[in-house]
Amino acid sequence: MAKKEGVRKLFDNIAPDYDKLNHILSLNIDKGWRKKAVRALVDTQEPLKVLDVACGTADFTIEIAQKLAKGSEVIGVDISEGMMAVGREKIQKAGVSAQLLVADCEDLPYADNTFGRISVGFGVRNFEHLEVGLSQMYRVLAPGGKLVILELSVPSNAFIRWCYKLYFLQILPAIGGMISGDRGAYEYLPASVLRFPAPDKFISMLKSAGFATVEHTPLTLGICRMYVAKK
């Protein structure tokens, strides 16, 4: 089975419990990370057209929509209909204007230079072909536009890294499997973080995709990292 199809099925299966587990297992730290990313993304009072890639259950999509100026447009895309079904309910409850569509992040169905801003919250590590996904986001981003990526990371400090791996590889799969009934999904998630390119390599990949400048900020001792790339 291709990675893409496996990822779609995995997230469809865990969608009903994903938000609850995500906040429990991250100790709600993820909410602060998203707020920092939204501030980096929504940096103007002018209306913006925003694409939230790998939007999942739309946490990032909703926070962006809440901060955008009147007349803005935000679209979330993901390959998991199960995750977006949860997201659509949350959008309606939040009372914001946002649209969620099934789309392949490596083959975005939009014309060149369409969006002023693009966001990805904890999703790029799930791309089957990372370089292709980055190139697609560069293509649909307008000149002068900005891409903001949040992604989990392995801390550089040796002791913190040891604690992190203990939690991620032993505790998280046990709790996630017990609550969701799908331990395999919560073994895949930390493994995908460990496989993701190191910051210097990922920055190089962003520049190879065409981005003119890339800024990198480690968050919470390097457990998460924010990348801001400009076209």
Protein backbone atom coordinates (compact mmCIF):
# COMPACT_ATOMS: atom_id res chain seq x y z
CA MET A 1 0.00 0.00 0.00
CA ALA A 2 1.31 3.47 -0.89
CA LYS A 3 2.15 5.67 2.08
CA LYS A 4 -0.48 8.19 1.01
CA GLU A 5 -3.29 5.65 1.07
CA GLY A 6 -2.09 4.25 4.38
CA VAL A 7 -1.99 7.71 5.94
CA ARG A 8 -5.49 8.48 4.67
CA LYS A 9 -6.90 5.29 6.19
CA LEU A 10 -5.01 5.81 9.44
CA PHE A 11 -6.40 9.30 9.99
CA ASP A 12 -9.89 8.30 8.90
CA ASN A 13 -9.81 5.60 11.59
CA ILE A 14 -8.62 7.81 14.47
CA ALA A 15 -10.56 10.95 13.50
CA PRO A 16 -13.28 10.64 16.19
CA ASP A 17 -10.71 10.58 19.04
CA TYR A 18 -7.93 12.61 17.40
CA ASP A 19 -8.59 16.01 18.99
CA LYS A 20 -9.07 14.64 22.49
CA LEU A 21 -5.92 12.55 22.31
CA ASN A 22 -3.91 15.28 20.63
CA HIS A 23 -4.55 17.74 23.46
CA ILE A 24 -4.09 15.15 26.20
CA LEU A 25 -0.85 13.75 24.82
CA SER A 26 0.63 17.18 24.08
CA LEU A 27 -0.48 18.53 27.49
CA ASN A 28 -2.24 21.30 25.51
CA ILE A 29 1.13 22.81 24.57
CA ASP A 30 0.10 22.53 20.91
CA LYS A 31 -2.41 25.36 21.41
CA GLY A 32 0.39 27.81 22.21
CA TRP A 33 2.39 26.69 19.21
CA ARG A 34 -0.54 27.35 16.90
CA LYS A 35 -1.09 30.82 18.33
CA LYS A 36 2.53 31.73 17.55
CA ALA A 37 2.15 30.39 14.02
CA VAL A 38 -1.11 32.28 13.44
CA ARG A 39 0.58 35.53 14.51
CA ALA A 40 3.37 34.87 12.00
CA LEU A 41 0.88 34.06 9.26
CA VAL A 42 -1.72 36.81 9.78
CA ASP A 43 0.62 39.79 9.85
CA THR A 44 -1.55 42.35 8.03
CA GLN A 45 -4.96 43.96 8.40
CA GLU A 46 -5.55 43.56 4.66
CA PRO A 47 -7.79 40.72 3.41
CA LEU A 48 -5.87 37.54 2.63
CA LYS A 49 -6.52 34.34 0.73
CA VAL A 50 -5.13 31.50 2.84
CA LEU A 51 -4.64 27.80 2.14
CA ASP A 52 -4.31 25.49 5.15
CA VAL A 53 -2.62 22.35 3.84
CA ALA A 54 -3.12 18.98 5.60
CA CYS A 55 -5.76 20.74 7.68
CA GLY A 56 -7.01 17.64 9.50
CA THR A 57 -9.73 18.52 12.02
CA ALA A 58 -9.31 22.23 11.26
CA ASP A 59 -7.84 23.57 14.52
CA PHE A 60 -5.33 25.67 12.56
CA THR A 61 -7.94 26.59 9.93
CA ILE A 62 -10.33 27.93 12.56
CA GLU A 63 -7.71 29.97 14.42
CA ILE A 64 -6.54 31.53 11.16
CA ALA A 65 -10.11 32.36 10.12
CA GLN A 66 -10.74 34.02 13.48
CA LYS A 67 -7.78 36.39 12.99
CA LEU A 68 -8.17 37.27 9.31
CA ALA A 69 -9.46 40.66 8.20
CA LYS A 70 -12.97 41.00 6.82
CA GLY A 71 -13.14 39.93 3.19
CA SER A 72 -10.50 37.22 3.60
CA GLU A 73 -10.88 33.62 2.44
CA VAL A 74 -9.48 30.48 4.05
CA ILE A 75 -9.55 27.01 2.51
CA GLY A 76 -8.39 23.83 4.21
CA VAL A 77 -7.35 20.77 2.21
CA ASP A 78 -6.61 17.22 3.36
CA ILE A 79 -6.75 13.66 2.03
CA SER A 80 -8.72 12.39 5.05
CA GLU A 81 -12.45 12.94 4.73
CA GLY A 82 -12.88 11.50 8.22
CA MET A 83 -10.72 14.20 9.78
CA MET A 84 -12.43 16.96 7.80
CA ALA A 85 -15.90 15.70 8.80
CA VAL A 86 -14.88 16.48 12.38
CA GLY A 87 -13.41 19.78 11.21
CA ARG A 88 -16.59 20.91 9.46
CA GLU A 89 -18.58 20.42 12.67
CA LYS A 90 -16.00 22.47 14.57
CA ILE A 91 -16.10 25.25 11.96
CA GLN A 92 -19.87 25.46 12.23
CA LYS A 93 -19.70 25.52 16.03
CA ALA A 94 -16.99 28.21 15.98
CA GLY A 95 -19.08 30.35 13.64
CA VAL A 96 -16.21 31.14 11.27
CA SER A 97 -16.12 31.21 7.48
CA ALA A 98 -13.86 28.46 6.11
CA GLN A 99 -14.14 25.75 3.48
CA LEU A 100 -12.66 22.24 3.73
CA LEU A 101 -12.01 20.20 0.60
CA VAL A 102 -10.52 16.79 -0.13
CA ALA A 103 -7.32 17.35 -2.09
CA ASP A 104 -3.91 15.77 -2.52
CA CYS A 105 -1.29 18.02 -0.97
CA GLU A 106 1.17 16.83 -3.60
CA ASP A 107 -1.15 17.81 -6.46
CA LEU A 108 -2.96 20.94 -5.32
CA PRO A 109 -5.97 21.79 -7.54
CA TYR A 110 -5.22 25.50 -7.73
CA ALA A 111 -3.63 27.81 -10.25
CA ASP A 112 -0.16 29.26 -9.81
CA ASN A 113 0.15 32.28 -7.48
CA THR A 114 -3.35 31.86 -5.98
CA PHE A 115 -2.76 32.30 -2.22
CA GLY A 116 -1.17 35.08 -0.20
CA ARG A 117 -0.48 32.76 2.73
CA ILE A 118 -0.16 28.99 3.19
CA SER A 119 -0.07 27.12 6.49
CA VAL A 120 0.70 23.55 7.49
CA GLY A 121 0.17 22.39 11.06
CA PHE A 122 1.88 19.08 11.87
CA GLY A 123 1.23 17.65 8.43
CA VAL A 124 4.31 17.87 6.21
CA ARG A 125 5.87 14.79 7.79
CA ASN A 126 2.98 12.76 6.39
CA PHE A 127 3.65 13.72 2.75
CA GLU A 128 4.63 10.71 0.69
CA HIS A 129 6.95 12.84 -1.45
CA LEU A 130 8.01 15.81 0.65
CA GLU A 131 9.85 17.65 -2.13
CA VAL A 132 6.77 17.45 -4.36
CA GLY A 133 4.52 18.83 -1.63
CA LEU A 134 6.87 21.75 -0.96
CA SER A 135 7.09 22.53 -4.68
CA GLN A 136 3.30 22.48 -4.97
CA MET A 137 2.92 24.94 -2.11
CA TYR A 138 5.54 27.21 -3.68
CA ARG A 139 3.67 27.04 -6.99
CA VAL A 140 0.29 28.14 -5.62
CA LEU A 141 1.76 30.79 -3.31
CA ALA A 142 1.68 34.31 -4.73
CA PRO A 143 4.91 36.31 -5.15
CA GLY A 144 5.73 37.96 -1.83
CA GLY A 145 3.57 35.39 -0.05
CA LYS A 146 4.44 33.47 3.09
CA LEU A 147 4.39 29.80 4.08
CA VAL A 148 4.24 28.97 7.81
CA ILE A 149 4.89 25.38 8.88
CA LEU A 150 4.60 23.89 12.35
CA GLU A 151 6.11 20.45 12.78
CA LEU A 152 7.11 18.24 15.68
CA SER A 153 10.82 17.66 16.06
CA VAL A 154 13.44 15.70 17.98
CA PRO A 155 15.09 17.93 20.65
CA SER A 156 18.84 18.46 20.29
CA ASN A 157 19.62 18.23 24.04
CA ALA A 158 20.63 14.63 24.82
CA PHE A 159 18.72 14.26 28.11
CA ILE A 160 15.56 15.93 26.80
CA ARG A 161 15.81 13.78 23.67
CA TRP A 162 15.99 10.63 25.84
CA CYS A 163 12.88 11.66 27.80
CA TYR A 164 11.15 12.65 24.58
CA LYS A 165 11.80 9.29 22.92
CA LEU A 166 10.69 7.41 26.03
CA TYR A 167 7.40 9.30 26.03
CA PHE A 168 6.90 9.21 22.28
CA LEU A 169 7.87 5.60 21.66
CA GLN A 170 6.48 3.92 24.79
CA ILE A 171 3.91 6.02 26.66
CA LEU A 172 2.13 7.75 23.76
CA PRO A 173 1.37 4.53 21.80
CA ALA A 174 0.04 2.84 24.95
CA ILE A 175 -2.31 5.69 25.88
CA GLY A 176 -3.31 6.42 22.29
CA GLY A 177 -3.98 2.76 21.58
CA MET A 178 -6.00 2.31 24.76
CA ILE A 179 -8.28 5.28 24.05
CA SER A 180 -8.59 5.01 20.26
CA GLY A 181 -8.32 1.25 19.89
CA ASP A 182 -5.61 1.74 17.24
CA ARG A 183 -2.17 1.40 18.81
CA GLY A 184 -0.60 1.13 15.37
CA ALA A 185 -1.67 4.68 14.52
CA TYR A 186 0.01 6.00 17.63
CA GLU A 187 3.16 4.05 16.82
CA TYR A 188 3.20 5.55 13.33
CA LEU A 189 2.84 9.15 14.57
CA PRO A 190 6.04 9.29 16.72
CA ALA A 191 7.94 7.22 14.16
CA SER A 192 7.06 9.79 11.49
CA VAL A 193 8.57 12.53 13.67
CA LEU A 194 11.80 10.59 14.12
CA ARG A 195 12.06 10.05 10.34
CA PHE A 196 11.46 13.70 9.44
CA PRO A 197 14.50 15.62 8.14
CA ALA A 198 16.58 17.59 10.63
CA PRO A 199 16.01 21.37 10.60
CA ASP A 200 19.06 22.21 8.47
CA LYS A 201 18.09 19.62 5.85
CA PHE A 202 14.45 20.71 5.83
CA ILE A 203 15.47 24.36 5.41
CA SER A 204 17.62 23.30 2.46
CA MET A 205 14.63 21.47 0.95
CA LEU A 206 12.47 24.59 1.28
CA LYS A 207 15.09 26.67 -0.49
CA SER A 208 15.47 24.03 -3.19
CA ALA A 209 11.70 24.24 -3.74
CA GLY A 210 12.21 27.92 -4.59
CA PHE A 211 11.58 29.83 -1.37
CA ALA A 212 13.76 32.93 -1.18
CA THR A 213 14.14 33.12 2.60
CA VAL A 214 13.48 30.66 5.40
CA GLU A 215 13.40 31.44 9.13
CA HIS A 216 13.38 28.71 11.75
CA THR A 217 12.25 28.97 15.39
CA PRO A 218 12.50 26.07 17.88
CA LEU A 219 9.60 25.96 20.35
CA THR A 220 9.45 24.30 23.78
CA LEU A 221 13.05 23.03 23.87
CA GLY A 222 12.88 21.98 20.22
CA ILE A 223 9.91 19.63 20.62
CA CYS A 224 8.22 21.69 17.91
CA ARG A 225 9.68 23.93 15.23
CA MET A 226 8.18 26.76 13.21
CA TYR A 227 9.42 27.47 9.70
CA VAL A 228 8.53 30.71 7.93
CA ALA A 229 9.36 30.72 4.22
CA LYS A 230 8.79 33.58 1.79
CA LYS A 231 8.40 33.49 -1.97
